[in-house]
N, C-alpha and C. Protein backbone atom coordinates (compact mmCIF):
# COMPACT_ATOMS: atom_id res chain seq x y z
N UNK A 1 -7.08 -58.63 -136.68
CA UNK A 1 -7.43 -57.35 -136.37
C UNK A 1 -7.21 -57.08 -134.71
N UNK A 2 -7.63 -58.12 -133.93
CA UNK A 2 -7.40 -57.92 -132.31
C UNK A 2 -6.06 -57.87 -132.31
N UNK A 3 -5.37 -58.66 -132.81
CA UNK A 3 -3.66 -58.63 -132.59
C UNK A 3 -3.14 -57.07 -132.89
N UNK A 4 -3.72 -56.50 -134.32
CA UNK A 4 -3.30 -55.19 -134.57
C UNK A 4 -3.66 -54.31 -133.55
N UNK A 5 -4.88 -54.32 -132.98
CA UNK A 5 -5.20 -53.37 -132.14
C UNK A 5 -4.35 -53.32 -130.66
N UNK A 6 -3.97 -54.54 -130.35
CA UNK A 6 -3.26 -54.71 -129.09
C UNK A 6 -1.88 -54.16 -129.51
N UNK A 7 -1.51 -54.32 -130.50
CA UNK A 7 -0.04 -53.86 -130.89
C UNK A 7 0.07 -52.35 -131.04
N UNK A 8 -1.12 -51.82 -131.49
CA UNK A 8 -1.33 -50.29 -131.59
C UNK A 8 -1.67 -49.71 -130.07
N UNK A 9 -2.41 -50.57 -129.66
CA UNK A 9 -2.46 -49.96 -128.13
C UNK A 9 -1.49 -49.85 -127.16
N UNK A 10 -0.68 -50.92 -127.41
CA UNK A 10 0.58 -51.05 -126.77
C UNK A 10 1.40 -49.97 -127.02
N UNK A 11 1.79 -49.66 -128.59
CA UNK A 11 2.48 -48.64 -128.91
C UNK A 11 1.96 -47.27 -128.19
N UNK A 12 0.89 -46.93 -128.43
CA UNK A 12 0.23 -45.76 -127.98
C UNK A 12 0.44 -45.52 -126.18
N UNK A 13 0.23 -46.46 -125.65
CA UNK A 13 0.54 -46.79 -124.01
C UNK A 13 1.99 -46.60 -123.96
N UNK A 14 2.74 -47.02 -124.55
CA UNK A 14 4.33 -46.76 -124.47
C UNK A 14 4.69 -45.31 -124.75
N UNK A 15 3.92 -44.81 -125.63
CA UNK A 15 4.29 -43.41 -125.90
C UNK A 15 3.88 -42.57 -124.76
N UNK A 16 2.68 -42.75 -124.13
CA UNK A 16 2.03 -42.21 -122.90
C UNK A 16 2.99 -42.33 -121.83
N UNK A 17 3.73 -43.46 -121.65
CA UNK A 17 4.46 -43.58 -120.40
C UNK A 17 5.66 -42.89 -120.72
N UNK A 18 6.30 -42.86 -121.73
CA UNK A 18 7.45 -42.07 -122.46
C UNK A 18 7.21 -40.36 -122.19
N UNK A 19 6.05 -39.92 -122.57
CA UNK A 19 5.64 -38.45 -122.41
C UNK A 19 5.50 -38.25 -120.85
N UNK A 20 4.91 -39.25 -120.14
CA UNK A 20 4.69 -38.94 -118.60
C UNK A 20 6.06 -39.09 -118.03
N UNK A 21 6.98 -39.70 -118.38
CA UNK A 21 8.44 -39.91 -117.87
C UNK A 21 9.21 -38.70 -118.18
N UNK A 22 8.94 -38.13 -119.48
CA UNK A 22 9.66 -37.00 -119.89
C UNK A 22 9.18 -35.73 -119.14
N UNK A 23 8.01 -35.40 -118.86
CA UNK A 23 7.07 -34.41 -118.09
C UNK A 23 7.80 -34.52 -116.50
N UNK A 24 7.69 -35.77 -115.89
CA UNK A 24 8.41 -35.76 -114.75
C UNK A 24 9.98 -35.40 -114.58
N UNK A 25 10.61 -35.81 -115.73
CA UNK A 25 11.89 -35.36 -115.66
C UNK A 25 12.27 -33.95 -115.93
N UNK A 26 11.27 -33.23 -116.57
CA UNK A 26 11.51 -32.01 -116.83
C UNK A 26 11.14 -31.09 -115.72
N UNK A 27 10.05 -31.59 -114.94
CA UNK A 27 9.81 -31.00 -113.71
C UNK A 27 10.78 -31.06 -112.60
N UNK A 28 11.34 -32.30 -112.57
CA UNK A 28 12.58 -32.45 -111.59
C UNK A 28 13.63 -31.53 -111.92
N UNK A 29 14.11 -31.38 -113.16
CA UNK A 29 15.08 -30.48 -113.57
C UNK A 29 14.88 -29.07 -113.23
N UNK A 30 13.56 -28.66 -113.49
CA UNK A 30 13.17 -27.17 -113.06
C UNK A 30 13.19 -27.02 -111.60
N UNK A 31 12.94 -28.11 -110.81
CA UNK A 31 12.83 -28.01 -109.41
C UNK A 31 14.44 -27.91 -108.81
N UNK A 32 15.07 -28.65 -109.43
CA UNK A 32 16.76 -28.93 -109.28
C UNK A 32 17.21 -27.36 -109.54
N UNK A 33 16.93 -26.87 -110.57
CA UNK A 33 17.33 -25.72 -110.99
C UNK A 33 17.03 -24.43 -110.06
N UNK A 34 15.69 -24.69 -109.83
CA UNK A 34 15.36 -23.53 -108.70
C UNK A 34 15.92 -23.68 -107.43
N UNK A 35 16.20 -24.97 -106.88
CA UNK A 35 16.92 -24.98 -105.60
C UNK A 35 18.58 -24.51 -105.66
N UNK A 36 19.17 -24.74 -106.88
CA UNK A 36 20.50 -24.30 -107.04
C UNK A 36 20.48 -22.84 -107.09
N UNK A 37 19.53 -22.24 -107.76
CA UNK A 37 19.45 -20.79 -107.62
C UNK A 37 19.29 -20.19 -106.33
N UNK A 38 18.22 -20.79 -105.58
CA UNK A 38 18.40 -20.49 -104.05
C UNK A 38 19.59 -20.59 -103.22
N UNK A 39 20.36 -21.60 -103.42
CA UNK A 39 21.59 -21.85 -102.64
C UNK A 39 22.46 -20.78 -103.39
N UNK A 40 22.56 -20.53 -104.64
CA UNK A 40 23.40 -19.47 -104.91
C UNK A 40 23.32 -18.23 -104.42
N UNK A 41 22.03 -17.87 -104.31
CA UNK A 41 21.74 -16.31 -103.79
C UNK A 41 22.00 -16.22 -102.23
N UNK A 42 21.89 -17.40 -101.49
CA UNK A 42 22.28 -17.30 -100.03
C UNK A 42 23.65 -17.44 -99.80
N UNK A 43 24.53 -17.94 -100.71
CA UNK A 43 25.94 -18.06 -100.60
C UNK A 43 26.55 -16.59 -100.88
N UNK A 44 26.04 -15.89 -101.94
CA UNK A 44 26.52 -14.73 -102.39
C UNK A 44 26.43 -13.60 -101.31
N UNK A 45 25.84 -13.84 -100.17
CA UNK A 45 25.76 -12.68 -99.07
C UNK A 45 27.19 -12.32 -98.77
N UNK A 46 27.43 -10.95 -98.76
CA UNK A 46 29.03 -10.67 -98.30
C UNK A 46 28.82 -9.97 -97.03
N UNK A 47 29.83 -10.30 -95.98
CA UNK A 47 29.90 -9.54 -94.91
C UNK A 47 31.19 -9.15 -94.76
N UNK A 48 31.13 -7.90 -94.27
CA UNK A 48 32.36 -7.00 -93.86
C UNK A 48 33.01 -7.53 -92.78
N UNK A 49 34.04 -7.15 -92.51
CA UNK A 49 34.96 -7.36 -91.33
C UNK A 49 34.22 -6.68 -90.26
N UNK A 50 33.54 -5.49 -90.35
CA UNK A 50 32.88 -4.92 -89.30
C UNK A 50 31.67 -6.02 -88.96
N UNK A 51 31.00 -6.43 -89.94
CA UNK A 51 29.84 -7.24 -89.64
C UNK A 51 30.39 -8.55 -88.77
N UNK A 52 31.64 -9.07 -89.17
CA UNK A 52 31.90 -10.53 -88.63
C UNK A 52 32.43 -9.88 -86.95
N UNK A 53 32.88 -8.93 -86.97
CA UNK A 53 33.13 -8.39 -85.58
C UNK A 53 32.14 -8.15 -84.71
N UNK A 54 31.19 -7.45 -85.15
CA UNK A 54 29.73 -7.53 -84.19
C UNK A 54 29.29 -8.82 -84.13
N UNK A 55 29.17 -9.55 -85.22
CA UNK A 55 28.53 -11.08 -84.89
C UNK A 55 29.23 -11.59 -83.59
N UNK A 56 30.67 -11.63 -83.86
CA UNK A 56 31.47 -12.18 -82.71
C UNK A 56 31.07 -11.69 -81.24
N UNK A 57 30.82 -10.43 -81.19
CA UNK A 57 30.52 -9.68 -79.94
C UNK A 57 29.26 -10.18 -79.54
N UNK A 58 28.18 -10.25 -80.48
CA UNK A 58 26.98 -10.79 -79.98
C UNK A 58 26.99 -12.22 -79.63
N UNK A 59 27.70 -13.01 -80.40
CA UNK A 59 27.81 -14.51 -79.78
C UNK A 59 28.36 -14.41 -78.43
N UNK A 60 29.50 -13.69 -78.16
CA UNK A 60 30.16 -13.64 -76.66
C UNK A 60 29.15 -13.29 -75.75
N UNK A 61 28.12 -12.28 -75.91
CA UNK A 61 27.19 -11.65 -75.07
C UNK A 61 26.06 -12.51 -75.12
N UNK A 62 25.90 -13.21 -75.99
CA UNK A 62 24.58 -14.15 -76.22
C UNK A 62 23.54 -13.01 -76.43
N UNK A 63 23.70 -12.07 -77.44
CA UNK A 63 22.60 -11.23 -77.70
C UNK A 63 22.34 -11.53 -79.22
N UNK A 64 20.91 -10.74 -79.30
CA UNK A 64 20.67 -10.61 -80.76
C UNK A 64 21.18 -9.11 -81.33
N UNK A 65 21.03 -9.00 -82.57
CA UNK A 65 21.49 -7.47 -83.16
C UNK A 65 20.42 -6.53 -82.60
N UNK A 66 19.15 -6.90 -82.66
CA UNK A 66 18.22 -6.05 -81.94
C UNK A 66 18.33 -5.70 -80.39
N UNK A 67 18.99 -6.53 -79.75
CA UNK A 67 19.34 -6.28 -78.25
C UNK A 67 20.30 -4.92 -78.38
N UNK A 68 21.37 -5.48 -79.15
CA UNK A 68 22.51 -4.33 -79.20
C UNK A 68 22.03 -3.15 -79.84
N UNK A 69 21.24 -3.00 -80.77
CA UNK A 69 20.59 -1.83 -81.41
C UNK A 69 20.05 -1.01 -80.35
N UNK A 70 19.28 -1.49 -79.44
CA UNK A 70 18.70 -0.73 -78.42
C UNK A 70 19.62 0.03 -77.41
N UNK A 71 20.98 -0.22 -77.71
CA UNK A 71 22.02 0.08 -76.64
C UNK A 71 23.20 0.95 -77.67
N UNK A 72 22.89 1.49 -78.64
CA UNK A 72 23.94 2.22 -79.47
C UNK A 72 24.24 3.44 -78.88
N UNK A 73 23.32 3.95 -78.16
CA UNK A 73 23.82 5.40 -77.64
C UNK A 73 24.77 5.35 -76.57
N UNK A 74 24.98 4.23 -75.91
CA UNK A 74 25.99 3.97 -75.14
C UNK A 74 27.18 3.25 -75.64
N UNK A 75 27.28 3.09 -76.86
CA UNK A 75 28.12 2.01 -77.40
C UNK A 75 29.38 2.94 -78.01
N UNK A 76 30.53 2.68 -77.82
CA UNK A 76 31.66 3.15 -78.23
C UNK A 76 32.28 2.06 -79.36
N UNK A 77 32.54 2.37 -80.48
CA UNK A 77 33.02 1.40 -81.55
C UNK A 77 34.15 2.11 -82.15
N UNK A 78 35.32 1.45 -82.43
CA UNK A 78 36.34 1.76 -83.19
C UNK A 78 37.06 0.77 -84.01
N UNK A 79 37.43 1.24 -84.92
CA UNK A 79 38.24 0.31 -85.79
C UNK A 79 39.60 0.83 -85.83
N UNK A 80 40.31 0.01 -85.10
CA UNK A 80 41.85 0.18 -84.73
C UNK A 80 42.64 0.07 -86.12
N UNK A 81 42.68 -0.91 -86.73
CA UNK A 81 43.46 -1.36 -87.96
C UNK A 81 42.26 -1.84 -89.08
N UNK A 82 42.74 -2.33 -90.21
CA UNK A 82 41.78 -2.80 -91.13
C UNK A 82 41.03 -3.77 -90.52
N UNK A 83 41.41 -4.63 -89.81
CA UNK A 83 40.50 -5.79 -89.26
C UNK A 83 40.55 -6.10 -87.89
N UNK A 84 40.84 -4.91 -87.01
CA UNK A 84 40.63 -4.97 -85.71
C UNK A 84 39.80 -3.96 -85.17
N UNK A 85 38.92 -4.41 -84.23
CA UNK A 85 37.79 -3.53 -83.98
C UNK A 85 37.63 -3.70 -82.35
N UNK A 86 37.15 -2.59 -81.77
CA UNK A 86 36.91 -2.47 -80.15
C UNK A 86 35.30 -1.92 -79.87
N UNK A 87 34.99 -2.44 -78.88
CA UNK A 87 33.61 -2.17 -78.46
C UNK A 87 33.74 -1.89 -76.98
N UNK A 88 33.04 -0.77 -76.50
CA UNK A 88 32.96 -0.70 -74.85
C UNK A 88 31.64 -0.11 -74.76
N UNK A 89 31.26 0.09 -73.62
CA UNK A 89 29.96 0.86 -73.06
C UNK A 89 30.45 1.63 -71.92
N UNK A 90 31.73 2.22 -72.01
CA UNK A 90 32.18 3.01 -70.82
C UNK A 90 33.06 2.31 -70.04
N UNK A 91 33.34 1.40 -70.10
CA UNK A 91 34.15 0.71 -68.93
C UNK A 91 35.09 -0.37 -69.79
N UNK A 92 34.56 -1.68 -69.65
CA UNK A 92 35.80 -2.83 -70.30
C UNK A 92 35.32 -2.70 -71.49
N UNK A 93 36.76 -2.74 -72.34
CA UNK A 93 36.71 -3.05 -73.74
C UNK A 93 36.81 -4.49 -74.18
N UNK A 94 36.25 -4.93 -75.21
CA UNK A 94 36.30 -6.19 -76.05
C UNK A 94 36.86 -5.78 -77.46
N UNK A 95 37.73 -6.60 -77.62
CA UNK A 95 38.61 -6.44 -78.93
C UNK A 95 38.25 -7.65 -79.82
N UNK A 96 37.95 -7.34 -81.16
CA UNK A 96 37.57 -8.49 -82.01
C UNK A 96 38.47 -8.19 -83.25
N UNK A 97 39.42 -9.34 -83.43
CA UNK A 97 40.19 -9.19 -84.63
C UNK A 97 39.92 -10.23 -85.66
N UNK A 98 39.45 -9.86 -86.92
CA UNK A 98 38.89 -10.41 -87.74
C UNK A 98 39.95 -11.00 -88.95
N UNK A 99 40.12 -12.60 -88.94
CA UNK A 99 41.03 -13.05 -89.97
C UNK A 99 40.29 -13.71 -91.29
N UNK A 100 40.99 -14.51 -91.91
CA UNK A 100 40.52 -15.08 -93.35
C UNK A 100 39.40 -15.59 -92.71
N UNK A 101 39.50 -16.69 -91.58
CA UNK A 101 38.26 -17.56 -91.49
C UNK A 101 37.74 -17.40 -90.13
N UNK A 102 38.37 -16.78 -89.33
CA UNK A 102 37.59 -16.65 -88.02
C UNK A 102 37.72 -15.31 -87.48
N UNK A 103 37.32 -15.09 -86.20
CA UNK A 103 37.33 -13.83 -85.52
C UNK A 103 37.82 -14.33 -84.06
N UNK A 104 38.74 -13.63 -83.55
CA UNK A 104 39.21 -13.65 -82.31
C UNK A 104 39.07 -12.70 -81.42
N UNK A 105 38.48 -13.04 -80.36
CA UNK A 105 37.84 -11.99 -79.43
C UNK A 105 38.59 -12.21 -78.10
N UNK A 106 39.17 -10.83 -77.51
CA UNK A 106 39.63 -10.48 -76.37
C UNK A 106 38.78 -9.72 -75.45
N UNK A 107 38.61 -10.30 -74.22
CA UNK A 107 37.61 -9.47 -73.52
C UNK A 107 38.20 -9.55 -71.99
N UNK A 108 37.40 -8.73 -71.22
CA UNK A 108 37.71 -8.76 -69.65
C UNK A 108 36.82 -9.72 -69.14
N UNK A 109 37.57 -10.76 -68.35
CA UNK A 109 36.77 -11.78 -67.70
C UNK A 109 36.90 -11.60 -66.36
N UNK A 110 35.69 -12.13 -65.49
CA UNK A 110 35.70 -12.03 -64.23
C UNK A 110 36.60 -13.17 -63.64
N UNK A 111 37.53 -12.69 -62.78
CA UNK A 111 38.37 -13.75 -61.95
C UNK A 111 37.84 -13.80 -60.50
N UNK A 112 38.43 -14.50 -59.80
CA UNK A 112 38.45 -14.77 -58.31
C UNK A 112 38.87 -13.27 -57.49
N UNK A 113 39.66 -12.63 -58.25
CA UNK A 113 40.00 -11.42 -57.57
C UNK A 113 39.38 -10.05 -57.91
N UNK A 114 38.58 -10.22 -58.98
CA UNK A 114 37.65 -8.98 -59.91
C UNK A 114 37.65 -9.40 -61.07
N UNK A 115 37.63 -8.16 -61.95
CA UNK A 115 37.55 -8.21 -63.30
C UNK A 115 39.01 -8.08 -63.67
N UNK A 116 39.31 -9.14 -64.69
CA UNK A 116 40.35 -9.14 -65.39
C UNK A 116 40.53 -8.20 -66.41
N UNK A 117 41.68 -8.22 -67.02
CA UNK A 117 41.69 -6.98 -68.17
C UNK A 117 42.38 -7.78 -69.32
N UNK A 118 41.76 -7.94 -70.32
CA UNK A 118 42.15 -8.77 -71.59
C UNK A 118 42.41 -10.13 -71.22
N UNK A 119 41.88 -10.81 -70.32
CA UNK A 119 42.39 -12.24 -69.98
C UNK A 119 41.25 -13.18 -70.29
N UNK A 120 40.38 -12.87 -71.22
CA UNK A 120 39.40 -13.84 -71.84
C UNK A 120 39.54 -14.01 -73.15
N UNK A 121 39.57 -15.19 -73.76
CA UNK A 121 39.98 -15.18 -75.36
C UNK A 121 38.95 -16.32 -75.77
N UNK A 122 38.32 -15.98 -76.84
CA UNK A 122 37.32 -16.93 -77.69
C UNK A 122 37.65 -16.75 -79.30
N UNK A 123 37.29 -17.92 -79.81
CA UNK A 123 37.84 -17.80 -81.55
C UNK A 123 36.44 -18.48 -82.03
N UNK A 124 35.72 -17.64 -82.95
CA UNK A 124 34.52 -18.10 -83.74
C UNK A 124 34.93 -18.25 -85.13
N UNK A 125 34.45 -19.14 -85.92
CA UNK A 125 34.58 -19.36 -87.23
C UNK A 125 33.80 -18.28 -87.92
N UNK A 126 34.05 -17.76 -88.94
CA UNK A 126 33.09 -16.82 -89.70
C UNK A 126 32.03 -17.64 -90.26
N UNK A 127 32.22 -18.79 -90.63
CA UNK A 127 30.90 -19.46 -91.20
C UNK A 127 29.93 -19.87 -90.14
N UNK A 128 30.29 -20.15 -88.78
CA UNK A 128 29.44 -20.50 -87.90
C UNK A 128 28.75 -19.08 -87.54
N UNK A 129 29.37 -17.92 -87.46
CA UNK A 129 28.93 -16.75 -87.08
C UNK A 129 27.95 -16.15 -88.36
N UNK A 130 28.30 -16.42 -89.53
CA UNK A 130 27.04 -16.19 -90.66
C UNK A 130 26.15 -17.12 -90.62
N UNK A 131 26.23 -18.33 -90.17
CA UNK A 131 24.98 -19.09 -89.90
C UNK A 131 24.18 -18.74 -88.99
N UNK A 132 24.65 -18.20 -87.85
CA UNK A 132 23.79 -17.90 -86.54
C UNK A 132 23.32 -16.24 -86.88
N UNK A 133 24.04 -15.43 -87.28
CA UNK A 133 23.59 -14.05 -87.49
C UNK A 133 23.42 -13.45 -88.66
N UNK A 134 23.45 -14.24 -89.76
CA UNK A 134 23.52 -13.69 -91.18
C UNK A 134 22.05 -13.32 -91.41
N UNK A 135 21.07 -13.82 -90.86
CA UNK A 135 19.71 -13.14 -91.06
C UNK A 135 19.46 -11.88 -90.49
N UNK A 136 20.40 -11.48 -89.65
CA UNK A 136 20.37 -10.17 -88.94
C UNK A 136 21.37 -9.01 -89.63
N UNK A 137 21.82 -9.37 -90.71
CA UNK A 137 22.67 -8.40 -91.47
C UNK A 137 22.10 -7.07 -91.59
N UNK A 138 21.10 -6.87 -92.10
CA UNK A 138 20.37 -5.59 -91.98
C UNK A 138 20.48 -4.61 -90.81
N UNK A 139 20.14 -5.28 -89.49
CA UNK A 139 20.22 -4.70 -88.26
C UNK A 139 21.66 -4.30 -87.97
N UNK A 140 22.62 -5.20 -88.27
CA UNK A 140 23.98 -4.92 -87.97
C UNK A 140 24.36 -3.70 -88.76
N UNK A 141 23.99 -3.74 -90.09
CA UNK A 141 24.18 -2.45 -90.93
C UNK A 141 23.78 -1.22 -90.20
N UNK A 142 22.58 -1.35 -89.78
CA UNK A 142 22.13 -0.22 -89.06
C UNK A 142 22.75 0.19 -87.88
N UNK A 143 23.07 -0.93 -87.05
CA UNK A 143 23.95 -0.48 -85.79
C UNK A 143 25.30 0.19 -86.38
N UNK A 144 25.91 -0.14 -87.28
CA UNK A 144 27.11 0.11 -87.84
C UNK A 144 27.10 1.70 -88.25
N UNK A 145 25.91 2.13 -89.02
CA UNK A 145 25.76 3.47 -89.56
C UNK A 145 25.56 4.16 -88.44
N UNK A 146 24.75 3.73 -87.28
CA UNK A 146 24.55 4.60 -86.25
C UNK A 146 25.74 4.95 -85.39
N UNK A 147 26.46 4.15 -85.17
CA UNK A 147 27.87 4.30 -84.36
C UNK A 147 28.75 5.02 -85.02
N UNK A 148 28.76 4.76 -86.57
CA UNK A 148 29.72 5.78 -87.33
C UNK A 148 29.35 6.99 -87.48
N UNK A 149 28.04 7.49 -87.62
CA UNK A 149 27.49 8.50 -87.44
C UNK A 149 27.73 9.43 -86.23
N UNK A 150 27.59 8.67 -85.20
CA UNK A 150 27.71 9.16 -83.64
C UNK A 150 29.35 9.51 -83.52
N UNK A 151 30.22 8.81 -84.19
CA UNK A 151 31.53 8.92 -84.16
C UNK A 151 31.92 10.24 -84.99
N UNK A 152 31.36 10.23 -86.21
CA UNK A 152 31.69 11.40 -87.29
C UNK A 152 31.00 12.59 -86.43
N UNK A 153 30.18 12.69 -85.87
CA UNK A 153 29.42 13.93 -84.97
C UNK A 153 30.27 14.06 -83.80
N UNK A 154 30.84 13.27 -82.92
CA UNK A 154 32.00 13.51 -81.98
C UNK A 154 33.04 14.11 -82.57
N UNK A 155 33.68 13.54 -83.74
CA UNK A 155 34.81 14.19 -84.26
C UNK A 155 34.53 15.53 -84.70
N UNK A 156 33.43 15.89 -85.39
CA UNK A 156 33.05 17.11 -85.86
C UNK A 156 32.88 18.17 -84.61
N UNK A 157 32.46 17.56 -83.58
CA UNK A 157 32.12 18.59 -82.51
C UNK A 157 33.43 18.61 -81.71
N UNK A 158 34.32 17.86 -81.49
CA UNK A 158 35.85 18.05 -80.99
C UNK A 158 36.48 18.88 -81.94
N UNK A 159 36.30 18.94 -83.34
CA UNK A 159 36.95 19.66 -84.13
C UNK A 159 36.33 21.06 -83.97
N UNK A 160 35.21 21.41 -83.87
CA UNK A 160 34.73 22.58 -83.66
C UNK A 160 35.27 23.22 -82.05
N UNK A 161 35.14 22.35 -81.18
CA UNK A 161 35.76 23.01 -79.89
C UNK A 161 37.07 23.49 -80.02
N UNK A 162 37.93 22.61 -80.74
CA UNK A 162 39.15 22.96 -81.17
C UNK A 162 39.36 24.10 -81.64
N UNK A 163 38.74 24.51 -82.92
CA UNK A 163 38.79 25.68 -83.49
C UNK A 163 38.09 26.90 -82.69
N UNK A 164 37.21 26.59 -81.89
CA UNK A 164 36.75 27.58 -81.05
C UNK A 164 37.91 28.28 -79.98
N UNK A 165 38.43 27.14 -79.47
CA UNK A 165 39.45 27.21 -78.41
C UNK A 165 40.53 28.12 -79.29
N UNK A 166 40.94 27.69 -80.58
CA UNK A 166 42.15 28.17 -81.09
C UNK A 166 41.74 29.77 -81.48
N UNK A 167 40.32 29.97 -81.83
CA UNK A 167 39.99 31.45 -81.89
C UNK A 167 39.97 32.21 -80.56
N UNK A 168 39.65 31.54 -79.58
CA UNK A 168 39.48 32.23 -78.44
C UNK A 168 40.84 32.67 -77.92
N UNK A 169 41.82 31.66 -78.07
CA UNK A 169 43.29 31.84 -77.97
C UNK A 169 43.87 32.98 -78.79
N UNK A 170 43.47 32.86 -79.98
CA UNK A 170 44.23 34.00 -80.73
C UNK A 170 43.66 35.50 -80.53
N UNK A 171 42.25 35.50 -80.23
CA UNK A 171 41.54 36.96 -79.86
C UNK A 171 42.66 37.24 -78.63
N UNK A 172 42.48 36.33 -77.36
CA UNK A 172 43.14 36.77 -76.28
C UNK A 172 44.46 37.20 -76.50
N UNK A 173 45.35 36.46 -77.36
CA UNK A 173 46.71 36.92 -77.76
C UNK A 173 46.81 38.25 -78.50
N UNK A 174 45.75 38.45 -79.25
CA UNK A 174 45.71 39.95 -79.93
C UNK A 174 45.58 40.87 -79.18
N UNK A 175 44.59 40.54 -78.21
CA UNK A 175 44.31 41.63 -77.05
C UNK A 175 45.52 41.98 -76.32
N UNK A 176 46.06 40.92 -75.85
CA UNK A 176 47.36 40.98 -75.01
C UNK A 176 48.31 42.07 -75.93
N UNK A 177 48.48 41.73 -77.13
CA UNK A 177 49.44 42.47 -77.82
C UNK A 177 49.04 43.75 -78.15
N UNK A 178 47.86 44.13 -78.20
CA UNK A 178 47.26 45.48 -78.54
C UNK A 178 47.63 46.20 -77.00
N UNK A 179 47.29 45.52 -75.77
CA UNK A 179 47.52 46.15 -74.48
C UNK A 179 48.93 46.45 -74.29
N UNK A 180 49.81 45.43 -74.81
CA UNK A 180 51.27 45.61 -74.50
C UNK A 180 51.62 47.07 -75.40
N UNK A 181 51.20 46.93 -76.74
CA UNK A 181 51.57 48.16 -77.59
C UNK A 181 51.20 49.29 -76.97
N UNK A 182 49.98 49.36 -76.40
CA UNK A 182 49.33 50.62 -75.85
C UNK A 182 50.28 51.13 -74.71
N UNK A 183 50.58 50.15 -73.97
CA UNK A 183 51.47 50.42 -72.66
C UNK A 183 52.86 51.04 -73.08
N UNK A 184 53.33 50.66 -74.37
CA UNK A 184 54.67 50.94 -74.69
C UNK A 184 54.52 52.53 -75.39
N UNK A 185 53.43 53.03 -75.63
CA UNK A 185 53.55 54.29 -76.26
C UNK A 185 53.60 55.36 -75.21
N UNK A 186 54.65 56.25 -75.84
CA UNK A 186 55.10 57.21 -74.85
C UNK A 186 54.14 58.57 -75.22
N UNK A 187 53.64 59.44 -74.46
CA UNK A 187 52.97 60.57 -74.70
C UNK A 187 53.93 61.78 -74.99
N UNK A 188 53.50 62.61 -75.77
CA UNK A 188 54.34 63.86 -76.35
C UNK A 188 54.40 64.68 -75.18
């Protein structure tokens, strides 16, 4: 009886160990799945060429997106081509060209003779920029929205000025034509 009890106790104990191991494995699988899910969600963040260009500018200037956001009223932002962007604040222009894996920056670098023009060059990898500035994407998007809206307003304002100028010119031409027609009239 004693021997049967030990055998039965050993079987129960081994089943308990087996259950404990299965529970632990199940827990590790769930944790691993959770980590993979988190990694997948962080890898899927998409950055536009505009985002990368701004990130490179921030890196060059050693600024945060919040710093730049405070100065968007003075910022001139232009997209020259699909992947080439310029930024200036009324004086020197910085050009960012976004390629597949990196951003090339050309800027005006101070020389012993004064301020150079397009003489500074840096290259930043997209991966490094995303690692450093990726958490600021929402602020980068706000900056882009602000400067794009300002650009549209400026274009609209310039267009209205052009229309008003054209209307004024047309009115003046009509008045001149009427005056000429009146002076060519011969009284009876």
